[in-house]
Amino acid sequence: MVQLKRKALVLDQPKSFLVAFTACLLTMFLILGFWFQLKAFQGFSLLFCLQVLVFFVSYKTSKKILTFDYSFLEIIVLVKNLHQKIKLLLISAILGAAILSFGQLI
């Protein structure tokens, strides 16, 4: 709970700067990777997109835990659901990377 409170305190302050910086990096990686066809930036952009999604999903879950008064078992269920969402994002990223790599072989 202490880590969640610290995380929420830090992330509540510079929201616009954080969103602008993340959007700038993501756009730069996507343009360099898929417009200029640089393989390294294609990989970076896929990894970065996944990390941004995981970050926002975990932030949303931590805000939900802090705002409502959940019991210990409900918090465990929320964290398990978060882990399931992260696993699904990972599987979709691996599948997307496999499709992109096989698409270039054809």
PDB file of N, CA and C in Angstrom:
ATOM      1  N   MET A   1       0.824  -1.196   0.000  1.00  0.00           N
ATOM      2  CA  MET A   1       0.000   0.000   0.000  1.00  0.00           C
ATOM      3  C   MET A   1       0.869   1.262   0.000  1.00  0.00           C
ATOM      4  N   VAL A   2       2.001   1.202   0.681  1.00  0.00           N
ATOM      5  CA  VAL A   2       2.889   2.362   0.718  1.00  0.00           C
ATOM      6  C   VAL A   2       3.428   2.639  -0.688  1.00  0.00           C
ATOM      7  N   GLN A   3       3.800   1.586  -1.416  1.00  0.00           N
ATOM      8  CA  GLN A   3       4.293   1.771  -2.779  1.00  0.00           C
ATOM      9  C   GLN A   3       3.216   2.324  -3.697  1.00  0.00           C
ATOM     10  N   LEU A   4       1.992   1.855  -3.513  1.00  0.00           N
ATOM     11  CA  LEU A   4       0.890   2.371  -4.333  1.00  0.00           C
ATOM     12  C   LEU A   4       0.647   3.855  -4.062  1.00  0.00           C
ATOM     13  N   LYS A   5       0.704   4.244  -2.778  1.00  0.00           N
ATOM     14  CA  LYS A   5       0.498   5.649  -2.445  1.00  0.00           C
ATOM     15  C   LYS A   5       1.604   6.529  -3.009  1.00  0.00           C
ATOM     16  N   ARG A   6       2.845   6.042  -2.947  1.00  0.00           N
ATOM     17  CA  ARG A   6       3.957   6.801  -3.509  1.00  0.00           C
ATOM     18  C   ARG A   6       3.820   6.937  -5.018  1.00  0.00           C
ATOM     19  N   LYS A   7       3.474   5.827  -5.654  1.00  0.00           N
ATOM     20  CA  LYS A   7       3.318   5.838  -7.104  1.00  0.00           C
ATOM     21  C   LYS A   7       2.209   6.798  -7.525  1.00  0.00           C
ATOM     22  N   ALA A   8       1.096   6.776  -6.818  1.00  0.00           N
ATOM     23  CA  ALA A   8      -0.019   7.670  -7.148  1.00  0.00           C
ATOM     24  C   ALA A   8       0.352   9.125  -6.893  1.00  0.00           C
ATOM     25  N   LEU A   9       1.111   9.387  -5.832  1.00  0.00           N
ATOM     26  CA  LEU A   9       1.511  10.757  -5.511  1.00  0.00           C
ATOM     27  C   LEU A   9       2.435  11.318  -6.580  1.00  0.00           C
ATOM     28  N   VAL A  10       3.367  10.508  -7.041  1.00  0.00           N
ATOM     29  CA  VAL A  10       4.313  10.968  -8.049  1.00  0.00           C
ATOM     30  C   VAL A  10       3.630  11.154  -9.398  1.00  0.00           C
ATOM     31  N   LEU A  11       2.744  10.238  -9.755  1.00  0.00           N
ATOM     32  CA  LEU A  11       2.148  10.282 -11.084  1.00  0.00           C
ATOM     33  C   LEU A  11       0.967  11.234 -11.202  1.00  0.00           C
ATOM     34  N   ASP A  12       0.423  11.698 -10.098  1.00  0.00           N
ATOM     35  CA  ASP A  12      -0.691  12.631 -10.184  1.00  0.00           C
ATOM     36  C   ASP A  12      -0.239  14.042 -10.563  1.00  0.00           C
ATOM     37  N   GLN A  13       0.998  14.388 -10.296  1.00  0.00           N
ATOM     38  CA  GLN A  13       1.453  15.749 -10.519  1.00  0.00           C
ATOM     39  C   GLN A  13       1.708  16.076 -11.999  1.00  0.00           C
ATOM     40  N   PRO A  14       2.661  15.433 -12.660  1.00  0.00           N
ATOM     41  CA  PRO A  14       3.017  15.887 -14.029  1.00  0.00           C
ATOM     42  C   PRO A  14       2.316  15.088 -15.125  1.00  0.00           C
ATOM     43  N   LYS A  15       1.000  14.999 -15.095  1.00  0.00           N
ATOM     44  CA  LYS A  15       0.304  14.161 -16.074  1.00  0.00           C
ATOM     45  C   LYS A  15       0.492  14.660 -17.500  1.00  0.00           C
ATOM     46  N   SER A  16       0.342  15.928 -17.737  1.00  0.00           N
ATOM     47  CA  SER A  16       0.421  16.426 -19.115  1.00  0.00           C
ATOM     48  C   SER A  16       1.826  16.272 -19.679  1.00  0.00           C
ATOM     49  N   PHE A  17       2.848  16.533 -18.856  1.00  0.00           N
ATOM     50  CA  PHE A  17       4.220  16.367 -19.320  1.00  0.00           C
ATOM     51  C   PHE A  17       4.519  14.904 -19.606  1.00  0.00           C
ATOM     52  N   LEU A  18       4.056  14.012 -18.734  1.00  0.00           N
ATOM     53  CA  LEU A  18       4.304  12.582 -18.909  1.00  0.00           C
ATOM     54  C   LEU A  18       3.622  12.058 -20.172  1.00  0.00           C
ATOM     55  N   VAL A  19       2.401  12.473 -20.409  1.00  0.00           N
ATOM     56  CA  VAL A  19       1.676  12.031 -21.602  1.00  0.00           C
ATOM     57  C   VAL A  19       2.334  12.589 -22.864  1.00  0.00           C
ATOM     58  N   ALA A  20       2.741  13.848 -22.833  1.00  0.00           N
ATOM     59  CA  ALA A  20       3.374  14.461 -24.002  1.00  0.00           C
ATOM     60  C   ALA A  20       4.717  13.802 -24.310  1.00  0.00           C
ATOM     61  N   PHE A  21       5.512  13.543 -23.297  1.00  0.00           N
ATOM     62  CA  PHE A  21       6.819  12.912 -23.496  1.00  0.00           C
ATOM     63  C   PHE A  21       6.659  11.490 -24.022  1.00  0.00           C
ATOM     64  N   THR A  22       5.710  10.736 -23.458  1.00  0.00           N
ATOM     65  CA  THR A  22       5.469   9.364 -23.899  1.00  0.00           C
ATOM     66  C   THR A  22       4.958   9.346 -25.336  1.00  0.00           C
ATOM     67  N   ALA A  23       4.050  10.241 -25.669  1.00  0.00           N
ATOM     68  CA  ALA A  23       3.523  10.304 -27.028  1.00  0.00           C
ATOM     69  C   ALA A  23       4.618  10.682 -28.023  1.00  0.00           C
ATOM     70  N   CYS A  24       5.511  11.579 -27.616  1.00  0.00           N
ATOM     71  CA  CYS A  24       6.619  11.978 -28.483  1.00  0.00           C
ATOM     72  C   CYS A  24       7.542  10.800 -28.762  1.00  0.00           C
ATOM     73  N   LEU A  25       7.930  10.074 -27.724  1.00  0.00           N
ATOM     74  CA  LEU A  25       8.803   8.915 -27.910  1.00  0.00           C
ATOM     75  C   LEU A  25       8.134   7.829 -28.739  1.00  0.00           C
ATOM     76  N   LEU A  26       6.879   7.564 -28.456  1.00  0.00           N
ATOM     77  CA  LEU A  26       6.158   6.531 -29.187  1.00  0.00           C
ATOM     78  C   LEU A  26       6.025   6.886 -30.659  1.00  0.00           C
ATOM     79  N   THR A  27       5.709   8.129 -30.947  1.00  0.00           N
ATOM     80  CA  THR A  27       5.594   8.573 -32.336  1.00  0.00           C
ATOM     81  C   THR A  27       6.935   8.499 -33.051  1.00  0.00           C
ATOM     82  N   MET A  28       8.001   8.892 -32.363  1.00  0.00           N
ATOM     83  CA  MET A  28       9.326   8.833 -32.963  1.00  0.00           C
ATOM     84  C   MET A  28       9.718   7.398 -33.298  1.00  0.00           C
ATOM     85  N   PHE A  29       9.485   6.475 -32.361  1.00  0.00           N
ATOM     86  CA  PHE A  29       9.816   5.076 -32.612  1.00  0.00           C
ATOM     87  C   PHE A  29       8.975   4.490 -33.736  1.00  0.00           C
ATOM     88  N   LEU A  30       7.689   4.822 -33.769  1.00  0.00           N
ATOM     89  CA  LEU A  30       6.818   4.294 -34.818  1.00  0.00           C
ATOM     90  C   LEU A  30       7.207   4.827 -36.195  1.00  0.00           C
ATOM     91  N   ILE A  31       7.536   6.109 -36.276  1.00  0.00           N
ATOM     92  CA  ILE A  31       7.933   6.682 -37.571  1.00  0.00           C
ATOM     93  C   ILE A  31       9.254   6.092 -38.041  1.00  0.00           C
ATOM     94  N   LEU A  32      10.233   6.030 -37.142  1.00  0.00           N
ATOM     95  CA  LEU A  32      11.527   5.469 -37.538  1.00  0.00           C
ATOM     96  C   LEU A  32      11.415   3.983 -37.881  1.00  0.00           C
ATOM     97  N   GLY A  33      10.530   3.285 -37.185  1.00  0.00           N
ATOM     98  CA  GLY A  33      10.425   1.854 -37.424  1.00  0.00           C
ATOM     99  C   GLY A  33       9.622   1.487 -38.647  1.00  0.00           C
ATOM    100  N   PHE A  34       8.457   2.087 -38.800  1.00  0.00           N
ATOM    101  CA  PHE A  34       7.565   1.624 -39.845  1.00  0.00           C
ATOM    102  C   PHE A  34       7.528   2.536 -41.073  1.00  0.00           C
ATOM    103  N   TRP A  35       7.936   3.786 -40.957  1.00  0.00           N
ATOM    104  CA  TRP A  35       7.996   4.649 -42.122  1.00  0.00           C
ATOM    105  C   TRP A  35       9.351   4.505 -42.820  1.00  0.00           C
ATOM    106  N   PHE A  36      10.430   4.540 -42.012  1.00  0.00           N
ATOM    107  CA  PHE A  36      11.773   4.422 -42.578  1.00  0.00           C
ATOM    108  C   PHE A  36      12.286   2.985 -42.610  1.00  0.00           C
ATOM    109  N   GLN A  37      11.480   2.041 -42.149  1.00  0.00           N
ATOM    110  CA  GLN A  37      11.778   0.597 -42.201  1.00  0.00           C
ATOM    111  C   GLN A  37      13.086   0.224 -41.492  1.00  0.00           C
ATOM    112  N   LEU A  38      13.328   0.824 -40.334  1.00  0.00           N
ATOM    113  CA  LEU A  38      14.486   0.449 -39.525  1.00  0.00           C
ATOM    114  C   LEU A  38      14.057  -0.658 -38.566  1.00  0.00           C
ATOM    115  N   LYS A  39      14.686  -1.810 -38.698  1.00  0.00           N
ATOM    116  CA  LYS A  39      14.261  -2.990 -37.944  1.00  0.00           C
ATOM    117  C   LYS A  39      14.396  -2.809 -36.437  1.00  0.00           C
ATOM    118  N   ALA A  40      15.464  -2.169 -36.004  1.00  0.00           N
ATOM    119  CA  ALA A  40      15.674  -1.990 -34.564  1.00  0.00           C
ATOM    120  C   ALA A  40      14.557  -1.141 -33.962  1.00  0.00           C
ATOM    121  N   PHE A  41      14.147  -0.087 -34.664  1.00  0.00           N
ATOM    122  CA  PHE A  41      13.095   0.773 -34.134  1.00  0.00           C
ATOM    123  C   PHE A  41      11.719   0.135 -34.243  1.00  0.00           C
ATOM    124  N   GLN A  42      11.547  -0.816 -35.164  1.00  0.00           N
ATOM    125  CA  GLN A  42      10.300  -1.574 -35.185  1.00  0.00           C
ATOM    126  C   GLN A  42      10.170  -2.387 -33.899  1.00  0.00           C
ATOM    127  N   GLY A  43      11.258  -3.033 -33.525  1.00  0.00           N
ATOM    128  CA  GLY A  43      11.255  -3.791 -32.269  1.00  0.00           C
ATOM    129  C   GLY A  43      11.085  -2.890 -31.059  1.00  0.00           C
ATOM    130  N   PHE A  44      11.803  -1.754 -31.051  1.00  0.00           N
ATOM    131  CA  PHE A  44      11.671  -0.815 -29.936  1.00  0.00           C
ATOM    132  C   PHE A  44      10.247  -0.288 -29.815  1.00  0.00           C
ATOM    133  N   SER A  45       9.632   0.012 -30.962  1.00  0.00           N
ATOM    134  CA  SER A  45       8.277   0.565 -30.908  1.00  0.00           C
ATOM    135  C   SER A  45       7.280  -0.468 -30.409  1.00  0.00           C
ATOM    136  N   LEU A  46       7.438  -1.727 -30.816  1.00  0.00           N
ATOM    137  CA  LEU A  46       6.536  -2.758 -30.308  1.00  0.00           C
ATOM    138  C   LEU A  46       6.720  -2.968 -28.804  1.00  0.00           C
ATOM    139  N   LEU A  47       7.963  -2.978 -28.360  1.00  0.00           N
ATOM    140  CA  LEU A  47       8.217  -3.125 -26.926  1.00  0.00           C
ATOM    141  C   LEU A  47       7.732  -1.910 -26.147  1.00  0.00           C
ATOM    142  N   PHE A  48       7.959  -0.728 -26.694  1.00  0.00           N
ATOM    143  CA  PHE A  48       7.560   0.502 -26.012  1.00  0.00           C
ATOM    144  C   PHE A  48       6.045   0.603 -25.924  1.00  0.00           C
ATOM    145  N   CYS A  49       5.339   0.238 -26.992  1.00  0.00           N
ATOM    146  CA  CYS A  49       3.866   0.243 -26.958  1.00  0.00           C
ATOM    147  C   CYS A  49       3.355  -0.698 -25.874  1.00  0.00           C
ATOM    148  N   LEU A  50       3.966  -1.863 -25.795  1.00  0.00           N
ATOM    149  CA  LEU A  50       3.567  -2.832 -24.776  1.00  0.00           C
ATOM    150  C   LEU A  50       3.821  -2.294 -23.372  1.00  0.00           C
ATOM    151  N   GLN A  51       4.965  -1.667 -23.158  1.00  0.00           N
ATOM    152  CA  GLN A  51       5.281  -1.126 -21.838  1.00  0.00           C
ATOM    153  C   GLN A  51       4.341   0.017 -21.463  1.00  0.00           C
ATOM    154  N   VAL A  52       3.976   0.839 -22.416  1.00  0.00           N
ATOM    155  CA  VAL A  52       3.037   1.932 -22.139  1.00  0.00           C
ATOM    156  C   VAL A  52       1.677   1.374 -21.756  1.00  0.00           C
ATOM    157  N   LEU A  53       1.219   0.355 -22.478  1.00  0.00           N
ATOM    158  CA  LEU A  53      -0.065  -0.264 -22.149  1.00  0.00           C
ATOM    159  C   LEU A  53      -0.037  -0.907 -20.760  1.00  0.00           C
ATOM    160  N   VAL A  54       1.040  -1.616 -20.458  1.00  0.00           N
ATOM    161  CA  VAL A  54       1.163  -2.239 -19.137  1.00  0.00           C
ATOM    162  C   VAL A  54       1.210  -1.180 -18.046  1.00  0.00           C
ATOM    163  N   PHE A  55       1.916  -0.081 -18.294  1.00  0.00           N
ATOM    164  CA  PHE A  55       2.005   0.993 -17.315  1.00  0.00           C
ATOM    165  C   PHE A  55       0.632   1.593 -17.022  1.00  0.00           C
ATOM    166  N   PHE A  56      -0.134   1.889 -18.069  1.00  0.00           N
ATOM    167  CA  PHE A  56      -1.436   2.511 -17.849  1.00  0.00           C
ATOM    168  C   PHE A  56      -2.438   1.549 -17.219  1.00  0.00           C
ATOM    169  N   VAL A  57      -2.363   0.265 -17.558  1.00  0.00           N
ATOM    170  CA  VAL A  57      -3.258  -0.714 -16.932  1.00  0.00           C
ATOM    171  C   VAL A  57      -2.916  -0.864 -15.453  1.00  0.00           C
ATOM    172  N   SER A  58      -1.632  -0.928 -15.121  1.00  0.00           N
ATOM    173  CA  SER A  58      -1.251  -1.060 -13.714  1.00  0.00           C
ATOM    174  C   SER A  58      -1.556   0.219 -12.933  1.00  0.00           C
ATOM    175  N   TYR A  59      -1.402   1.378 -13.577  1.00  0.00           N
ATOM    176  CA  TYR A  59      -1.736   2.641 -12.914  1.00  0.00           C
ATOM    177  C   TYR A  59      -3.234   2.711 -12.622  1.00  0.00           C
ATOM    178  N   LYS A  60      -4.040   2.276 -13.571  1.00  0.00           N
ATOM    179  CA  LYS A  60      -5.486   2.283 -13.370  1.00  0.00           C
ATOM    180  C   LYS A  60      -5.880   1.354 -12.225  1.00  0.00           C
ATOM    181  N   THR A  61      -5.253   0.189 -12.148  1.00  0.00           N
ATOM    182  CA  THR A  61      -5.544  -0.746 -11.062  1.00  0.00           C
ATOM    183  C   THR A  61      -5.102  -0.196  -9.719  1.00  0.00           C
ATOM    184  N   SER A  62      -3.937   0.449  -9.674  1.00  0.00           N
ATOM    185  CA  SER A  62      -3.469   1.010  -8.405  1.00  0.00           C
ATOM    186  C   SER A  62      -4.365   2.158  -7.944  1.00  0.00           C
ATOM    187  N   LYS A  63      -4.846   2.977  -8.882  1.00  0.00           N
ATOM    188  CA  LYS A  63      -5.777   4.045  -8.495  1.00  0.00           C
ATOM    189  C   LYS A  63      -7.100   3.462  -7.991  1.00  0.00           C
ATOM    190  N   LYS A  64      -7.535   2.360  -8.594  1.00  0.00           N
ATOM    191  CA  LYS A  64      -8.770   1.715  -8.157  1.00  0.00           C
ATOM    192  C   LYS A  64      -8.612   1.158  -6.747  1.00  0.00           C
ATOM    193  N   ILE A  65      -7.460   0.574  -6.453  1.00  0.00           N
ATOM    194  CA  ILE A  65      -7.219   0.027  -5.114  1.00  0.00           C
ATOM    195  C   ILE A  65      -7.165   1.146  -4.080  1.00  0.00           C
ATOM    196  N   LEU A  66      -6.540   2.272  -4.445  1.00  0.00           N
ATOM    197  CA  LEU A  66      -6.415   3.371  -3.484  1.00  0.00           C
ATOM    198  C   LEU A  66      -7.720   4.129  -3.273  1.00  0.00           C
ATOM    199  N   THR A  67      -8.560   4.220  -4.306  1.00  0.00           N
ATOM    200  CA  THR A  67      -9.784   5.019  -4.159  1.00  0.00           C
ATOM    201  C   THR A  67     -10.869   4.297  -3.386  1.00  0.00           C
ATOM    202  N   PHE A  68     -11.015   3.021  -3.600  1.00  0.00           N
ATOM    203  CA  PHE A  68     -12.078   2.285  -2.930  1.00  0.00           C
ATOM    204  C   PHE A  68     -11.511   1.486  -1.771  1.00  0.00           C
ATOM    205  N   ASP A  69     -12.350   1.224  -0.813  1.00  0.00           N
ATOM    206  CA  ASP A  69     -11.919   0.472   0.367  1.00  0.00           C
ATOM    207  C   ASP A  69     -12.179  -1.017   0.134  1.00  0.00           C
ATOM    208  N   TYR A  70     -11.189  -1.678  -0.436  1.00  0.00           N
ATOM    209  CA  TYR A  70     -11.308  -3.099  -0.727  1.00  0.00           C
ATOM    210  C   TYR A  70     -10.755  -3.928   0.420  1.00  0.00           C
ATOM    211  N   SER A  71     -11.291  -5.128   0.560  1.00  0.00           N
ATOM    212  CA  SER A  71     -10.716  -6.058   1.534  1.00  0.00           C
ATOM    213  C   SER A  71      -9.447  -6.666   0.930  1.00  0.00           C
ATOM    214  N   PHE A  72      -8.734  -7.404   1.753  1.00  0.00           N
ATOM    215  CA  PHE A  72      -7.472  -7.995   1.302  1.00  0.00           C
ATOM    216  C   PHE A  72      -7.704  -8.989   0.171  1.00  0.00           C
ATOM    217  N   LEU A  73      -8.751  -9.790   0.263  1.00  0.00           N
ATOM    218  CA  LEU A  73      -9.033 -10.775  -0.784  1.00  0.00           C
ATOM    219  C   LEU A  73      -9.435 -10.100  -2.097  1.00  0.00           C
ATOM    220  N   GLU A  74     -10.168  -9.009  -2.027  1.00  0.00           N
ATOM    221  CA  GLU A  74     -10.540  -8.281  -3.239  1.00  0.00           C
ATOM    222  C   GLU A  74      -9.318  -7.658  -3.903  1.00  0.00           C
ATOM    223  N   ILE A  75      -8.372  -7.190  -3.101  1.00  0.00           N
ATOM    224  CA  ILE A  75      -7.131  -6.636  -3.650  1.00  0.00           C
ATOM    225  C   ILE A  75      -6.342  -7.724  -4.361  1.00  0.00           C
ATOM    226  N   ILE A  76      -6.309  -8.917  -3.773  1.00  0.00           N
ATOM    227  CA  ILE A  76      -5.603 -10.038  -4.409  1.00  0.00           C
ATOM    228  C   ILE A  76      -6.252 -10.382  -5.745  1.00  0.00           C
ATOM    229  N   VAL A  77      -7.581 -10.374  -5.786  1.00  0.00           N
ATOM    230  CA  VAL A  77      -8.290 -10.652  -7.046  1.00  0.00           C
ATOM    231  C   VAL A  77      -7.973  -9.592  -8.089  1.00  0.00           C
ATOM    232  N   LEU A  78      -7.936  -8.322  -7.674  1.00  0.00           N
ATOM    233  CA  LEU A  78      -7.589  -7.250  -8.612  1.00  0.00           C
ATOM    234  C   LEU A  78      -6.172  -7.405  -9.153  1.00  0.00           C
ATOM    235  N   VAL A  79      -5.241  -7.781  -8.294  1.00  0.00           N
ATOM    236  CA  VAL A  79      -3.852  -7.962  -8.733  1.00  0.00           C
ATOM    237  C   VAL A  79      -3.741  -9.174  -9.659  1.00  0.00           C
ATOM    238  N   LYS A  80      -4.485 -10.249  -9.361  1.00  0.00           N
ATOM    239  CA  LYS A  80      -4.473 -11.412 -10.262  1.00  0.00           C
ATOM    240  C   LYS A  80      -5.060 -11.058 -11.618  1.00  0.00           C
ATOM    241  N   ASN A  81      -6.117 -10.253 -11.641  1.00  0.00           N
ATOM    242  CA  ASN A  81      -6.679  -9.803 -12.914  1.00  0.00           C
ATOM    243  C   ASN A  81      -5.676  -8.938 -13.681  1.00  0.00           C
ATOM    244  N   LEU A  82      -4.924  -8.119 -12.949  1.00  0.00           N
ATOM    245  CA  LEU A  82      -3.890  -7.311 -13.584  1.00  0.00           C
ATOM    246  C   LEU A  82      -2.837  -8.199 -14.228  1.00  0.00           C
ATOM    247  N   HIS A  83      -2.427  -9.254 -13.531  1.00  0.00           N
ATOM    248  CA  HIS A  83      -1.441 -10.175 -14.094  1.00  0.00           C
ATOM    249  C   HIS A  83      -1.986 -10.871 -15.340  1.00  0.00           C
ATOM    250  N   GLN A  84      -3.261 -11.220 -15.341  1.00  0.00           N
ATOM    251  CA  GLN A  84      -3.872 -11.843 -16.517  1.00  0.00           C
ATOM    252  C   GLN A  84      -3.885 -10.868 -17.696  1.00  0.00           C
ATOM    253  N   LYS A  85      -4.200  -9.599 -17.437  1.00  0.00           N
ATOM    254  CA  LYS A  85      -4.195  -8.602 -18.505  1.00  0.00           C
ATOM    255  C   LYS A  85      -2.797  -8.432 -19.081  1.00  0.00           C
ATOM    256  N   ILE A  86      -1.788  -8.416 -18.210  1.00  0.00           N
ATOM    257  CA  ILE A  86      -0.416  -8.269 -18.674  1.00  0.00           C
ATOM    258  C   ILE A  86       0.000  -9.477 -19.497  1.00  0.00           C
ATOM    259  N   LYS A  87      -0.406 -10.668 -19.086  1.00  0.00           N
ATOM    260  CA  LYS A  87      -0.096 -11.875 -19.869  1.00  0.00           C
ATOM    261  C   LYS A  87      -0.753 -11.816 -21.245  1.00  0.00           C
ATOM    262  N   LEU A  88      -2.003 -11.357 -21.315  1.00  0.00           N
ATOM    263  CA  LEU A  88      -2.683 -11.238 -22.609  1.00  0.00           C
ATOM    264  C   LEU A  88      -2.014 -10.210 -23.509  1.00  0.00           C
ATOM    265  N   LEU A  89      -1.554  -9.107 -22.923  1.00  0.00           N
ATOM    266  CA  LEU A  89      -0.826  -8.114 -23.705  1.00  0.00           C
ATOM    267  C   LEU A  89       0.485  -8.689 -24.239  1.00  0.00           C
ATOM    268  N   LEU A  90       1.168  -9.474 -23.423  1.00  0.00           N
ATOM    269  CA  LEU A  90       2.417 -10.096 -23.848  1.00  0.00           C
ATOM    270  C   LEU A  90       2.171 -11.085 -24.982  1.00  0.00           C
ATOM    271  N   ILE A  91       1.135 -11.895 -24.851  1.00  0.00           N
ATOM    272  CA  ILE A  91       0.818 -12.861 -25.906  1.00  0.00           C
ATOM    273  C   ILE A  91       0.458 -12.141 -27.202  1.00  0.00           C
ATOM    274  N   SER A  92      -0.310 -11.075 -27.103  1.00  0.00           N
ATOM    275  CA  SER A  92      -0.679 -10.335 -28.312  1.00  0.00           C
ATOM    276  C   SER A  92       0.541  -9.664 -28.944  1.00  0.00           C
ATOM    277  N   ALA A  93       1.484  -9.200 -28.134  1.00  0.00           N
ATOM    278  CA  ALA A  93       2.696  -8.587 -28.676  1.00  0.00           C
ATOM    279  C   ALA A  93       3.567  -9.620 -29.375  1.00  0.00           C
ATOM    280  N   ILE A  94       3.691 -10.799 -28.788  1.00  0.00           N
ATOM    281  CA  ILE A  94       4.480 -11.865 -29.419  1.00  0.00           C
ATOM    282  C   ILE A  94       3.816 -12.306 -30.720  1.00  0.00           C
ATOM    283  N   LEU A  95       2.495 -12.435 -30.709  1.00  0.00           N
ATOM    284  CA  LEU A  95       1.774 -12.810 -31.913  1.00  0.00           C
ATOM    285  C   LEU A  95       1.915 -11.742 -32.994  1.00  0.00           C
ATOM    286  N   GLY A  96       1.809 -10.480 -32.596  1.00  0.00           N
ATOM    287  CA  GLY A  96       1.986  -9.395 -33.565  1.00  0.00           C
ATOM    288  C   GLY A  96       3.390  -9.363 -34.153  1.00  0.00           C
ATOM    289  N   ALA A  97       4.392  -9.593 -33.319  1.00  0.00           N
ATOM    290  CA  ALA A  97       5.769  -9.620 -33.819  1.00  0.00           C
ATOM    291  C   ALA A  97       5.982 -10.800 -34.760  1.00  0.00           C
ATOM    292  N   ALA A  98       5.375 -11.942 -34.443  1.00  0.00           N
ATOM    293  CA  ALA A  98       5.502 -13.104 -35.330  1.00  0.00           C
ATOM    294  C   ALA A  98       4.826 -12.841 -36.670  1.00  0.00           C
ATOM    295  N   ILE A  99       3.665 -12.216 -36.639  1.00  0.00           N
ATOM    296  CA  ILE A  99       2.962 -11.904 -37.892  1.00  0.00           C
ATOM    297  C   ILE A  99       3.763 -10.909 -38.726  1.00  0.00           C
ATOM    298  N   LEU A 100       4.324  -9.895 -38.068  1.00  0.00           N
ATOM    299  CA  LEU A 100       5.136  -8.923 -38.815  1.00  0.00           C
ATOM    300  C   LEU A 100       6.397  -9.559 -39.401  1.00  0.00           C
ATOM    301  N   SER A 101       7.030 -10.443 -38.643  1.00  0.00           N
ATOM    302  CA  SER A 101       8.255 -11.054 -39.155  1.00  0.00           C
ATOM    303  C   SER A 101       7.964 -12.050 -40.279  1.00  0.00           C
ATOM    304  N   PHE A 102       6.859 -12.797 -40.174  1.00  0.00           N
ATOM    305  CA  PHE A 102       6.510 -13.722 -41.258  1.00  0.00           C
ATOM    306  C   PHE A 102       5.982 -12.972 -42.475  1.00  0.00           C
ATOM    307  N   GLY A 103       5.383 -11.817 -42.258  1.00  0.00           N
ATOM    308  CA  GLY A 103       4.915 -11.012 -43.381  1.00  0.00           C
ATOM    309  C   GLY A 103       6.047 -10.495 -44.228  1.00  0.00           C
ATOM    310  N   GLN A 104       7.199 -10.276 -43.625  1.00  0.00           N
ATOM    311  CA  GLN A 104       8.346  -9.795 -44.392  1.00  0.00           C
ATOM    312  C   GLN A 104       9.071 -10.917 -45.093  1.00  0.00           C
ATOM    313  N   LEU A 105       8.859 -12.167 -44.654  1.00  0.00           N
ATOM    314  CA  LEU A 105       9.492 -13.292 -45.326  1.00  0.00           C
ATOM    315  C   LEU A 105       8.801 -13.638 -46.633  1.00  0.00           C
ATOM    316  N   ILE A 106       7.508 -13.302 -46.697  1.00  0.00           N
ATOM    317  CA  ILE A 106       6.736 -13.685 -47.891  1.00  0.00           C
ATOM    318  C   ILE A 106       7.016 -12.788 -49.046  1.00  0.00           C
TER     319      ILE A 106
END
